Each structure stands twice: as C-alpha cells, then as structure tokens.
Amino acid sequence: MKRKGDKAASEPPVWRQSDGSPISCEEKLLVLRENLDEIREACQEALEDAVLMDVDEAQFRAALGALVAGLRNPYAKD
C-alpha cells in the first residue's frame, strides 16, 4: 500500500557515483526512485503477510536486512 508522500528511508537527498560526484541524469534518478518504490512495496507486502501469519516482526525485519546484506555486486572490480 503506497501512501502519498512516502519516500524510501534509504534514499539519500543526492545519489552519488563511486567517485563521489552527484548523479544528475534524470533518467538514472527516475530508475533509482522507481526501483526503490517497487522494493519498498514488495517488502511492505511481505511484512504484512508475515505479521498476519504471526511471524515475529523483529525476526522478519532481520531476515530482510540479511537478504539485503547478502546481495552481491556482479560488476565489482576484483
């Protein structure tokens, strides 16, 4: 459920490139916002399902955090 004015808590006021310079391309910023909106919506629905099934909220939130922490960057320079 999306509420007017919702913004991803993790969305910084300025997105930065790996060298620290700000991303100014509107298309890139739009994609970032849309992706975060989709992720937030999916996570919200999953949390609601978990709570309705009487899963411990803190445990579920920890599982979401672990999921994010476990994401890998396929473009990382080794």
N, C-alpha and C. Protein backbone atom coordinates (compact mmCIF):
# COMPACT_ATOMS: atom_id res chain seq x y z
N MET A 1 0.85 -1.17 0.00
CA MET A 1 0.00 0.00 0.00
C MET A 1 0.89 1.23 0.00
N LYS A 2 0.79 2.02 -1.05
CA LYS A 2 1.61 3.22 -1.18
C LYS A 2 0.85 4.42 -0.65
N ARG A 3 1.50 5.18 0.20
CA ARG A 3 0.89 6.39 0.74
C ARG A 3 1.51 7.60 0.08
N LYS A 4 0.71 8.63 -0.11
CA LYS A 4 1.21 9.87 -0.70
C LYS A 4 2.32 10.42 0.18
N GLY A 5 3.39 10.81 -0.48
CA GLY A 5 4.50 11.40 0.26
C GLY A 5 5.51 10.39 0.77
N ASP A 6 5.24 9.07 0.59
CA ASP A 6 6.20 8.06 1.02
C ASP A 6 7.50 8.22 0.22
N LYS A 7 8.60 8.09 0.90
CA LYS A 7 9.90 8.14 0.26
C LYS A 7 10.76 7.10 0.94
N ALA A 8 11.55 6.40 0.17
CA ALA A 8 12.41 5.37 0.76
C ALA A 8 13.28 6.00 1.83
N ALA A 9 13.27 5.41 3.00
CA ALA A 9 14.09 5.93 4.09
C ALA A 9 15.55 5.89 3.72
N SER A 10 15.92 4.97 2.83
CA SER A 10 17.33 4.84 2.46
C SER A 10 17.69 5.70 1.26
N GLU A 11 16.73 6.42 0.69
CA GLU A 11 17.05 7.25 -0.47
C GLU A 11 17.72 8.53 -0.01
N PRO A 12 18.98 8.71 -0.40
CA PRO A 12 19.68 9.93 0.01
C PRO A 12 19.15 11.13 -0.76
N PRO A 13 19.37 12.34 -0.23
CA PRO A 13 18.92 13.54 -0.94
C PRO A 13 19.65 13.70 -2.27
N VAL A 14 20.88 13.19 -2.35
CA VAL A 14 21.66 13.23 -3.59
C VAL A 14 22.30 11.87 -3.79
N TRP A 15 22.03 11.24 -4.92
CA TRP A 15 22.70 9.98 -5.25
C TRP A 15 24.08 10.31 -5.77
N ARG A 16 25.06 9.53 -5.37
CA ARG A 16 26.45 9.78 -5.76
C ARG A 16 27.02 8.62 -6.55
N GLN A 17 27.94 8.96 -7.44
CA GLN A 17 28.69 7.96 -8.18
C GLN A 17 29.81 7.44 -7.29
N SER A 18 30.47 6.40 -7.73
CA SER A 18 31.53 5.80 -6.91
C SER A 18 32.67 6.78 -6.63
N ASP A 19 32.84 7.79 -7.48
CA ASP A 19 33.90 8.78 -7.23
C ASP A 19 33.42 9.94 -6.36
N GLY A 20 32.16 9.89 -5.92
CA GLY A 20 31.61 10.92 -5.04
C GLY A 20 30.85 12.03 -5.74
N SER A 21 30.96 12.09 -7.05
CA SER A 21 30.25 13.15 -7.78
C SER A 21 28.76 12.81 -7.86
N PRO A 22 27.91 13.82 -7.85
CA PRO A 22 26.47 13.57 -7.86
C PRO A 22 25.98 13.04 -9.21
N ILE A 23 24.98 12.20 -9.16
CA ILE A 23 24.33 11.72 -10.38
C ILE A 23 23.28 12.77 -10.74
N SER A 24 23.39 13.30 -11.94
CA SER A 24 22.46 14.35 -12.36
C SER A 24 21.53 13.91 -13.48
N CYS A 25 21.78 12.77 -14.08
CA CYS A 25 20.95 12.27 -15.17
C CYS A 25 19.55 11.95 -14.65
N GLU A 26 18.55 12.65 -15.16
CA GLU A 26 17.17 12.46 -14.69
C GLU A 26 16.66 11.05 -14.94
N GLU A 27 17.07 10.43 -16.05
CA GLU A 27 16.64 9.05 -16.34
C GLU A 27 17.17 8.09 -15.28
N LYS A 28 18.42 8.24 -14.90
CA LYS A 28 19.01 7.38 -13.88
C LYS A 28 18.30 7.58 -12.54
N LEU A 29 18.05 8.84 -12.20
CA LEU A 29 17.37 9.14 -10.94
C LEU A 29 15.96 8.57 -10.92
N LEU A 30 15.27 8.62 -12.05
CA LEU A 30 13.93 8.07 -12.16
C LEU A 30 13.96 6.55 -11.95
N VAL A 31 14.91 5.88 -12.59
CA VAL A 31 15.04 4.42 -12.43
C VAL A 31 15.33 4.06 -10.98
N LEU A 32 16.23 4.81 -10.33
CA LEU A 32 16.54 4.55 -8.93
C LEU A 32 15.29 4.69 -8.06
N ARG A 33 14.54 5.78 -8.26
CA ARG A 33 13.31 6.01 -7.48
C ARG A 33 12.29 4.91 -7.71
N GLU A 34 12.08 4.55 -8.98
CA GLU A 34 11.10 3.51 -9.30
C GLU A 34 11.51 2.17 -8.70
N ASN A 35 12.79 1.82 -8.78
CA ASN A 35 13.27 0.56 -8.20
C ASN A 35 13.04 0.54 -6.69
N LEU A 36 13.37 1.63 -6.01
CA LEU A 36 13.17 1.68 -4.57
C LEU A 36 11.69 1.60 -4.20
N ASP A 37 10.86 2.25 -5.00
CA ASP A 37 9.41 2.18 -4.75
C ASP A 37 8.91 0.73 -4.87
N GLU A 38 9.36 0.03 -5.91
CA GLU A 38 8.96 -1.37 -6.10
C GLU A 38 9.45 -2.25 -4.96
N ILE A 39 10.70 -2.05 -4.55
CA ILE A 39 11.27 -2.84 -3.45
C ILE A 39 10.52 -2.56 -2.16
N ARG A 40 10.26 -1.28 -1.88
CA ARG A 40 9.53 -0.91 -0.66
C ARG A 40 8.15 -1.56 -0.65
N GLU A 41 7.46 -1.52 -1.78
CA GLU A 41 6.13 -2.09 -1.86
C GLU A 41 6.16 -3.60 -1.63
N ALA A 42 7.11 -4.29 -2.25
CA ALA A 42 7.23 -5.74 -2.07
C ALA A 42 7.57 -6.09 -0.63
N CYS A 43 8.49 -5.34 -0.03
CA CYS A 43 8.87 -5.59 1.36
C CYS A 43 7.70 -5.31 2.31
N GLN A 44 6.95 -4.25 2.05
CA GLN A 44 5.80 -3.93 2.89
C GLN A 44 4.77 -5.05 2.85
N GLU A 45 4.48 -5.53 1.64
CA GLU A 45 3.51 -6.62 1.50
C GLU A 45 4.00 -7.89 2.19
N ALA A 46 5.29 -8.19 2.06
CA ALA A 46 5.86 -9.37 2.70
C ALA A 46 5.79 -9.25 4.22
N LEU A 47 6.08 -8.05 4.74
CA LEU A 47 6.00 -7.83 6.18
C LEU A 47 4.57 -8.02 6.67
N GLU A 48 3.61 -7.46 5.94
CA GLU A 48 2.21 -7.61 6.33
C GLU A 48 1.80 -9.08 6.33
N ASP A 49 2.22 -9.83 5.30
CA ASP A 49 1.91 -11.26 5.27
C ASP A 49 2.51 -11.97 6.47
N ALA A 50 3.77 -11.68 6.76
CA ALA A 50 4.46 -12.33 7.87
C ALA A 50 3.75 -12.05 9.19
N VAL A 51 3.39 -10.79 9.41
CA VAL A 51 2.72 -10.42 10.66
C VAL A 51 1.35 -11.11 10.75
N LEU A 52 0.63 -11.17 9.63
CA LEU A 52 -0.67 -11.84 9.63
C LEU A 52 -0.53 -13.34 9.94
N MET A 53 0.63 -13.91 9.58
CA MET A 53 0.87 -15.33 9.86
C MET A 53 1.52 -15.52 11.23
N ASP A 54 1.56 -14.45 12.02
CA ASP A 54 2.08 -14.46 13.38
C ASP A 54 3.58 -14.71 13.46
N VAL A 55 4.30 -14.30 12.43
CA VAL A 55 5.76 -14.36 12.46
C VAL A 55 6.25 -13.17 13.29
N ASP A 56 7.29 -13.37 14.07
CA ASP A 56 7.85 -12.30 14.87
C ASP A 56 8.36 -11.19 13.94
N GLU A 57 7.85 -9.98 14.16
CA GLU A 57 8.20 -8.86 13.27
C GLU A 57 9.70 -8.58 13.26
N ALA A 58 10.32 -8.59 14.43
CA ALA A 58 11.76 -8.31 14.50
C ALA A 58 12.56 -9.36 13.74
N GLN A 59 12.14 -10.61 13.84
CA GLN A 59 12.84 -11.68 13.12
C GLN A 59 12.69 -11.49 11.62
N PHE A 60 11.50 -11.11 11.18
CA PHE A 60 11.29 -10.90 9.75
C PHE A 60 12.11 -9.72 9.24
N ARG A 61 12.12 -8.64 10.02
CA ARG A 61 12.93 -7.48 9.62
C ARG A 61 14.41 -7.86 9.54
N ALA A 62 14.88 -8.67 10.47
CA ALA A 62 16.27 -9.13 10.44
C ALA A 62 16.54 -9.96 9.18
N ALA A 63 15.56 -10.78 8.79
CA ALA A 63 15.70 -11.58 7.58
C ALA A 63 15.80 -10.68 6.34
N LEU A 64 15.00 -9.62 6.31
CA LEU A 64 15.09 -8.67 5.19
C LEU A 64 16.45 -7.99 5.17
N GLY A 65 16.94 -7.61 6.35
CA GLY A 65 18.26 -6.99 6.43
C GLY A 65 19.35 -7.92 5.95
N ALA A 66 19.25 -9.19 6.34
CA ALA A 66 20.24 -10.18 5.92
C ALA A 66 20.17 -10.40 4.41
N LEU A 67 18.97 -10.37 3.88
CA LEU A 67 18.81 -10.53 2.44
C LEU A 67 19.54 -9.41 1.70
N VAL A 68 19.34 -8.17 2.14
CA VAL A 68 20.00 -7.03 1.51
C VAL A 68 21.51 -7.11 1.70
N ALA A 69 21.94 -7.45 2.90
CA ALA A 69 23.37 -7.55 3.17
C ALA A 69 24.04 -8.63 2.31
N GLY A 70 23.27 -9.64 1.91
CA GLY A 70 23.82 -10.73 1.13
C GLY A 70 23.82 -10.50 -0.38
N LEU A 71 23.28 -9.38 -0.82
CA LEU A 71 23.29 -9.09 -2.26
C LEU A 71 24.72 -8.93 -2.73
N ARG A 72 25.01 -9.41 -3.93
CA ARG A 72 26.37 -9.28 -4.44
C ARG A 72 26.39 -8.36 -5.66
N ASN A 73 27.45 -7.66 -5.81
CA ASN A 73 27.64 -6.78 -6.94
C ASN A 73 28.31 -7.57 -8.06
N PRO A 74 27.57 -7.87 -9.14
CA PRO A 74 28.18 -8.66 -10.22
C PRO A 74 29.20 -7.86 -11.04
N TYR A 75 29.28 -6.57 -10.81
CA TYR A 75 30.19 -5.71 -11.57
C TYR A 75 31.40 -5.28 -10.75
N ALA A 76 31.54 -5.83 -9.55
CA ALA A 76 32.66 -5.45 -8.68
C ALA A 76 33.99 -5.74 -9.35
N LYS A 77 34.91 -4.83 -9.15
CA LYS A 77 36.26 -5.00 -9.69
C LYS A 77 37.08 -5.71 -8.66
N ASP A 78 37.54 -6.88 -9.01
CA ASP A 78 38.33 -7.70 -8.08
C ASP A 78 39.79 -7.41 -8.16
